[in-house]
Amino acid sequence: MVPNANARHFLLKAKQRDLIAAAGGIERAADVCSYGKSTVGRWANTDSPELMPLDAIFALEEETGRFDMSEAIGSARGRRFADVEAVAANGSVMSAHAETVVRMGELMTEGALAFADGQLTPAESSRIDRALSKVEAGIGDYRKILAGAKASGGLKVVGE
């Protein structure tokens, strides 16, 4: 067996579940990618081993503007995507910072609730994973904005 194959599989399942949610849920995702609701439901189900075919990934990523699955596939192969455009403005830097802090708070809340009884159930694990995915996306957005600020020579955070 390939080392970490199970972890990679669960990462891909989590990313495709996030992509389906971003598209508006199972029914909307089924319409977008021209697959049946039951098929899309299996893609979103953590217990089902099915992964999305490429045409569905491409359709949903184009629809949502999120490329989580493609990035996860690249990451599983030891590769990363790089964005060439990054633009920052004072409001977006502060907004990204606030959003990331809120997402971290949500992750800490899910962890505290899950660990309170000294056990971690599969459902609790899934909730933590979803919160962690939001943190990861927030950090990615924040880093892009900071890269834009750095490339433009910095920003003045306090008004004149």
C-alpha atoms as a PDB file:
ATOM      1  CA  MET A   1       0.000   0.000   0.000  1.00  0.00           C
ATOM      2  CA  VAL A   2       1.167   3.537  -0.733  1.00  0.00           C
ATOM      3  CA  PRO A   3       2.174   5.440   2.444  1.00  0.00           C
ATOM      4  CA  ASN A   4      -0.375   8.092   3.485  1.00  0.00           C
ATOM      5  CA  ALA A   5      -2.817   6.954   0.783  1.00  0.00           C
ATOM      6  CA  ASN A   6      -5.633   6.983   3.311  1.00  0.00           C
ATOM      7  CA  ALA A   7      -4.802  10.517   4.469  1.00  0.00           C
ATOM      8  CA  ARG A   8      -4.680  11.730   0.863  1.00  0.00           C
ATOM      9  CA  HIS A   9      -8.013  10.086   0.146  1.00  0.00           C
ATOM     10  CA  PHE A  10      -9.649  11.809   3.120  1.00  0.00           C
ATOM     11  CA  LEU A  11      -8.112  15.140   2.093  1.00  0.00           C
ATOM     12  CA  LEU A  12      -9.547  14.776  -1.414  1.00  0.00           C
ATOM     13  CA  LYS A  13     -12.945  13.754   0.004  1.00  0.00           C
ATOM     14  CA  ALA A  14     -12.933  16.827   2.271  1.00  0.00           C
ATOM     15  CA  LYS A  15     -11.998  19.132  -0.607  1.00  0.00           C
ATOM     16  CA  GLN A  16     -14.671  17.752  -2.922  1.00  0.00           C
ATOM     17  CA  ARG A  17     -17.250  18.062  -0.128  1.00  0.00           C
ATOM     18  CA  ASP A  18     -16.206  21.731   0.286  1.00  0.00           C
ATOM     19  CA  LEU A  19     -16.438  22.257  -3.477  1.00  0.00           C
ATOM     20  CA  ILE A  20     -19.947  20.787  -3.591  1.00  0.00           C
ATOM     21  CA  ALA A  21     -21.001  23.031  -0.716  1.00  0.00           C
ATOM     22  CA  ALA A  22     -19.483  26.088  -2.438  1.00  0.00           C
ATOM     23  CA  ALA A  23     -21.501  25.260  -5.562  1.00  0.00           C
ATOM     24  CA  GLY A  24     -24.705  25.451  -3.529  1.00  0.00           C
ATOM     25  CA  GLY A  25     -25.136  21.897  -2.303  1.00  0.00           C
ATOM     26  CA  ILE A  26     -25.715  18.506  -3.855  1.00  0.00           C
ATOM     27  CA  GLU A  27     -28.642  19.393  -6.131  1.00  0.00           C
ATOM     28  CA  ARG A  28     -27.012  22.558  -7.494  1.00  0.00           C
ATOM     29  CA  ALA A  29     -23.667  20.779  -7.978  1.00  0.00           C
ATOM     30  CA  ALA A  30     -25.434  17.959  -9.835  1.00  0.00           C
ATOM     31  CA  ASP A  31     -26.957  20.507 -12.223  1.00  0.00           C
ATOM     32  CA  VAL A  32     -23.637  22.275 -12.765  1.00  0.00           C
ATOM     33  CA  CYS A  33     -21.604  19.170 -13.561  1.00  0.00           C
ATOM     34  CA  SER A  34     -24.392  17.159 -15.261  1.00  0.00           C
ATOM     35  CA  TYR A  35     -24.271  14.185 -12.911  1.00  0.00           C
ATOM     36  CA  GLY A  36     -27.100  12.665 -10.892  1.00  0.00           C
ATOM     37  CA  LYS A  37     -27.881  13.807  -7.362  1.00  0.00           C
ATOM     38  CA  SER A  38     -27.132  10.347  -5.969  1.00  0.00           C
ATOM     39  CA  THR A  39     -23.697  10.357  -7.609  1.00  0.00           C
ATOM     40  CA  VAL A  40     -22.887  13.821  -6.262  1.00  0.00           C
ATOM     41  CA  GLY A  41     -24.220  12.694  -2.885  1.00  0.00           C
ATOM     42  CA  ARG A  42     -21.731   9.819  -2.867  1.00  0.00           C
ATOM     43  CA  TRP A  43     -18.940  12.268  -3.686  1.00  0.00           C
ATOM     44  CA  ALA A  44     -19.981  14.368  -0.673  1.00  0.00           C
ATOM     45  CA  ASN A  45     -20.374  11.353   1.631  1.00  0.00           C
ATOM     46  CA  THR A  46     -17.279  10.773   3.773  1.00  0.00           C
ATOM     47  CA  ASP A  47     -18.018   7.044   3.989  1.00  0.00           C
ATOM     48  CA  SER A  48     -18.195   6.563   0.211  1.00  0.00           C
ATOM     49  CA  PRO A  49     -14.887   5.871  -1.554  1.00  0.00           C
ATOM     50  CA  GLU A  50     -15.962   7.618  -4.783  1.00  0.00           C
ATOM     51  CA  LEU A  51     -13.947  10.563  -6.048  1.00  0.00           C
ATOM     52  CA  MET A  52     -15.098  13.060  -8.674  1.00  0.00           C
ATOM     53  CA  PRO A  53     -14.057  12.586 -12.298  1.00  0.00           C
ATOM     54  CA  LEU A  54     -12.049  15.411 -13.844  1.00  0.00           C
ATOM     55  CA  ASP A  55     -14.913  16.837 -15.902  1.00  0.00           C
ATOM     56  CA  ALA A  56     -16.982  17.313 -12.741  1.00  0.00           C
ATOM     57  CA  ILE A  57     -14.036  18.867 -10.886  1.00  0.00           C
ATOM     58  CA  PHE A  58     -13.421  21.321 -13.729  1.00  0.00           C
ATOM     59  CA  ALA A  59     -17.104  22.262 -14.040  1.00  0.00           C
ATOM     60  CA  LEU A  60     -17.528  22.870 -10.297  1.00  0.00           C
ATOM     61  CA  GLU A  61     -14.250  24.746  -9.949  1.00  0.00           C
ATOM     62  CA  GLU A  62     -15.138  27.026 -12.845  1.00  0.00           C
ATOM     63  CA  GLU A  63     -18.606  27.606 -11.414  1.00  0.00           C
ATOM     64  CA  THR A  64     -17.370  28.458  -7.915  1.00  0.00           C
ATOM     65  CA  GLY A  65     -14.056  30.110  -8.753  1.00  0.00           C
ATOM     66  CA  ARG A  66     -12.431  27.820  -6.185  1.00  0.00           C
ATOM     67  CA  PHE A  67      -9.714  25.409  -7.204  1.00  0.00           C
ATOM     68  CA  ASP A  68      -9.503  23.369  -3.989  1.00  0.00           C
ATOM     69  CA  MET A  69      -9.612  19.958  -5.658  1.00  0.00           C
ATOM     70  CA  SER A  70      -6.982  20.813  -8.242  1.00  0.00           C
ATOM     71  CA  GLU A  71      -4.761  22.233  -5.507  1.00  0.00           C
ATOM     72  CA  ALA A  72      -5.308  19.143  -3.332  1.00  0.00           C
ATOM     73  CA  ILE A  73      -4.428  16.843  -6.236  1.00  0.00           C
ATOM     74  CA  GLY A  74      -1.268  18.875  -6.876  1.00  0.00           C
ATOM     75  CA  SER A  75      -0.442  18.837  -3.168  1.00  0.00           C
ATOM     76  CA  ALA A  76      -0.858  15.053  -3.035  1.00  0.00           C
ATOM     77  CA  ARG A  77       1.814  14.893  -5.731  1.00  0.00           C
ATOM     78  CA  GLY A  78       4.103  17.334  -3.903  1.00  0.00           C
ATOM     79  CA  ARG A  79       3.261  20.341  -6.102  1.00  0.00           C
ATOM     80  CA  ARG A  80       1.731  23.770  -5.461  1.00  0.00           C
ATOM     81  CA  PHE A  81      -0.198  26.317  -7.491  1.00  0.00           C
ATOM     82  CA  ALA A  82       1.062  29.860  -7.675  1.00  0.00           C
ATOM     83  CA  ASP A  83      -1.061  32.917  -8.430  1.00  0.00           C
ATOM     84  CA  VAL A  84       0.653  35.553 -10.512  1.00  0.00           C
ATOM     85  CA  GLU A  85      -1.721  38.363  -9.702  1.00  0.00           C
ATOM     86  CA  ALA A  86      -2.059  39.781  -6.219  1.00  0.00           C
ATOM     87  CA  VAL A  87      -3.551  43.164  -5.475  1.00  0.00           C
ATOM     88  CA  ALA A  88      -4.029  44.627  -2.008  1.00  0.00           C
ATOM     89  CA  ALA A  89      -5.895  47.536  -0.512  1.00  0.00           C
ATOM     90  CA  ASN A  90      -6.043  48.635   3.112  1.00  0.00           C
ATOM     91  CA  GLY A  91      -9.615  47.438   3.556  1.00  0.00           C
ATOM     92  CA  SER A  92      -8.937  44.016   2.071  1.00  0.00           C
ATOM     93  CA  VAL A  93      -5.872  43.478   4.287  1.00  0.00           C
ATOM     94  CA  MET A  94      -7.829  44.264   7.428  1.00  0.00           C
ATOM     95  CA  SER A  95     -10.826  42.295   6.210  1.00  0.00           C
ATOM     96  CA  ALA A  96      -8.655  39.249   5.452  1.00  0.00           C
ATOM     97  CA  HIS A  97      -7.035  39.516   8.879  1.00  0.00           C
ATOM     98  CA  ALA A  98     -10.407  39.712  10.631  1.00  0.00           C
ATOM     99  CA  GLU A  99     -11.832  36.837   8.578  1.00  0.00           C
ATOM    100  CA  THR A 100      -8.838  34.627   9.390  1.00  0.00           C
ATOM    101  CA  VAL A 101      -9.133  35.390  13.112  1.00  0.00           C
ATOM    102  CA  VAL A 102     -12.860  34.542  13.035  1.00  0.00           C
ATOM    103  CA  ARG A 103     -12.178  31.257  11.250  1.00  0.00           C
ATOM    104  CA  MET A 104      -9.488  30.370  13.808  1.00  0.00           C
ATOM    105  CA  GLY A 105     -12.017  31.055  16.563  1.00  0.00           C
ATOM    106  CA  GLU A 106     -14.493  28.717  14.895  1.00  0.00           C
ATOM    107  CA  LEU A 107     -11.808  26.021  14.686  1.00  0.00           C
ATOM    108  CA  MET A 108     -10.954  26.445  18.374  1.00  0.00           C
ATOM    109  CA  THR A 109     -14.639  26.250  19.294  1.00  0.00           C
ATOM    110  CA  GLU A 110     -15.128  23.022  17.319  1.00  0.00           C
ATOM    111  CA  GLY A 111     -12.021  21.536  18.942  1.00  0.00           C
ATOM    112  CA  ALA A 112     -13.077  22.528  22.440  1.00  0.00           C
ATOM    113  CA  LEU A 113     -16.545  21.042  21.958  1.00  0.00           C
ATOM    114  CA  ALA A 114     -15.137  17.839  20.486  1.00  0.00           C
ATOM    115  CA  PHE A 115     -12.468  17.307  23.154  1.00  0.00           C
ATOM    116  CA  ALA A 116     -14.654  18.230  26.156  1.00  0.00           C
ATOM    117  CA  ASP A 117     -15.664  14.626  26.835  1.00  0.00           C
ATOM    118  CA  GLY A 118     -12.219  13.176  26.132  1.00  0.00           C
ATOM    119  CA  GLN A 119     -13.355  11.402  22.951  1.00  0.00           C
ATOM    120  CA  LEU A 120     -13.254  12.325  19.282  1.00  0.00           C
ATOM    121  CA  THR A 121     -16.104  10.865  17.241  1.00  0.00           C
ATOM    122  CA  PRO A 122     -16.091  10.652  13.425  1.00  0.00           C
ATOM    123  CA  ALA A 123     -18.750  13.389  13.280  1.00  0.00           C
ATOM    124  CA  GLU A 124     -16.652  15.655  15.514  1.00  0.00           C
ATOM    125  CA  SER A 125     -13.627  14.905  13.381  1.00  0.00           C
ATOM    126  CA  SER A 126     -15.568  15.952  10.273  1.00  0.00           C
ATOM    127  CA  ARG A 127     -16.680  19.224  11.906  1.00  0.00           C
ATOM    128  CA  ILE A 128     -13.095  20.022  12.919  1.00  0.00           C
ATOM    129  CA  ASP A 129     -11.916  19.162   9.411  1.00  0.00           C
ATOM    130  CA  ARG A 130     -14.487  21.529   7.859  1.00  0.00           C
ATOM    131  CA  ALA A 131     -13.446  24.324  10.249  1.00  0.00           C
ATOM    132  CA  LEU A 132      -9.792  23.637   9.458  1.00  0.00           C
ATOM    133  CA  SER A 133     -10.544  23.815   5.743  1.00  0.00           C
ATOM    134  CA  LYS A 134     -12.068  27.277   6.252  1.00  0.00           C
ATOM    135  CA  VAL A 135      -8.985  28.382   8.201  1.00  0.00           C
ATOM    136  CA  GLU A 136      -6.760  27.059   5.425  1.00  0.00           C
ATOM    137  CA  ALA A 137      -8.717  28.945   2.761  1.00  0.00           C
ATOM    138  CA  GLY A 138      -8.675  32.123   4.860  1.00  0.00           C
ATOM    139  CA  ILE A 139      -4.940  31.918   5.385  1.00  0.00           C
ATOM    140  CA  GLY A 140      -4.426  31.382   1.662  1.00  0.00           C
ATOM    141  CA  ASP A 141      -6.485  34.465   0.819  1.00  0.00           C
ATOM    142  CA  TYR A 142      -4.704  36.496   3.489  1.00  0.00           C
ATOM    143  CA  ARG A 143      -1.265  35.477   2.174  1.00  0.00           C
ATOM    144  CA  LYS A 144      -2.222  36.484  -1.380  1.00  0.00           C
ATOM    145  CA  ILE A 145      -3.284  39.929  -0.188  1.00  0.00           C
ATOM    146  CA  LEU A 146      -0.092  40.322   1.850  1.00  0.00           C
ATOM    147  CA  ALA A 147       1.972  39.307  -1.180  1.00  0.00           C
ATOM    148  CA  GLY A 148       0.225  42.023  -3.178  1.00  0.00           C
ATOM    149  CA  ALA A 149       0.982  44.566  -0.455  1.00  0.00           C
ATOM    150  CA  LYS A 150       4.620  43.521  -0.423  1.00  0.00           C
ATOM    151  CA  ALA A 151       4.870  43.677  -4.215  1.00  0.00           C
ATOM    152  CA  SER A 152       3.398  47.184  -4.288  1.00  0.00           C
ATOM    153  CA  GLY A 153       5.889  48.490  -1.743  1.00  0.00           C
ATOM    154  CA  GLY A 154       3.637  48.180   1.300  1.00  0.00           C
ATOM    155  CA  LEU A 155       0.463  49.858   2.477  1.00  0.00           C
ATOM    156  CA  LYS A 156      -0.367  52.559   4.952  1.00  0.00           C
ATOM    157  CA  VAL A 157      -2.698  50.949   7.488  1.00  0.00           C
ATOM    158  CA  VAL A 158      -3.608  54.132   9.384  1.00  0.00           C
ATOM    159  CA  GLY A 159      -5.302  56.985   7.512  1.00  0.00           C
ATOM    160  CA  GLU A 160      -3.680  60.413   7.252  1.00  0.00           C
END
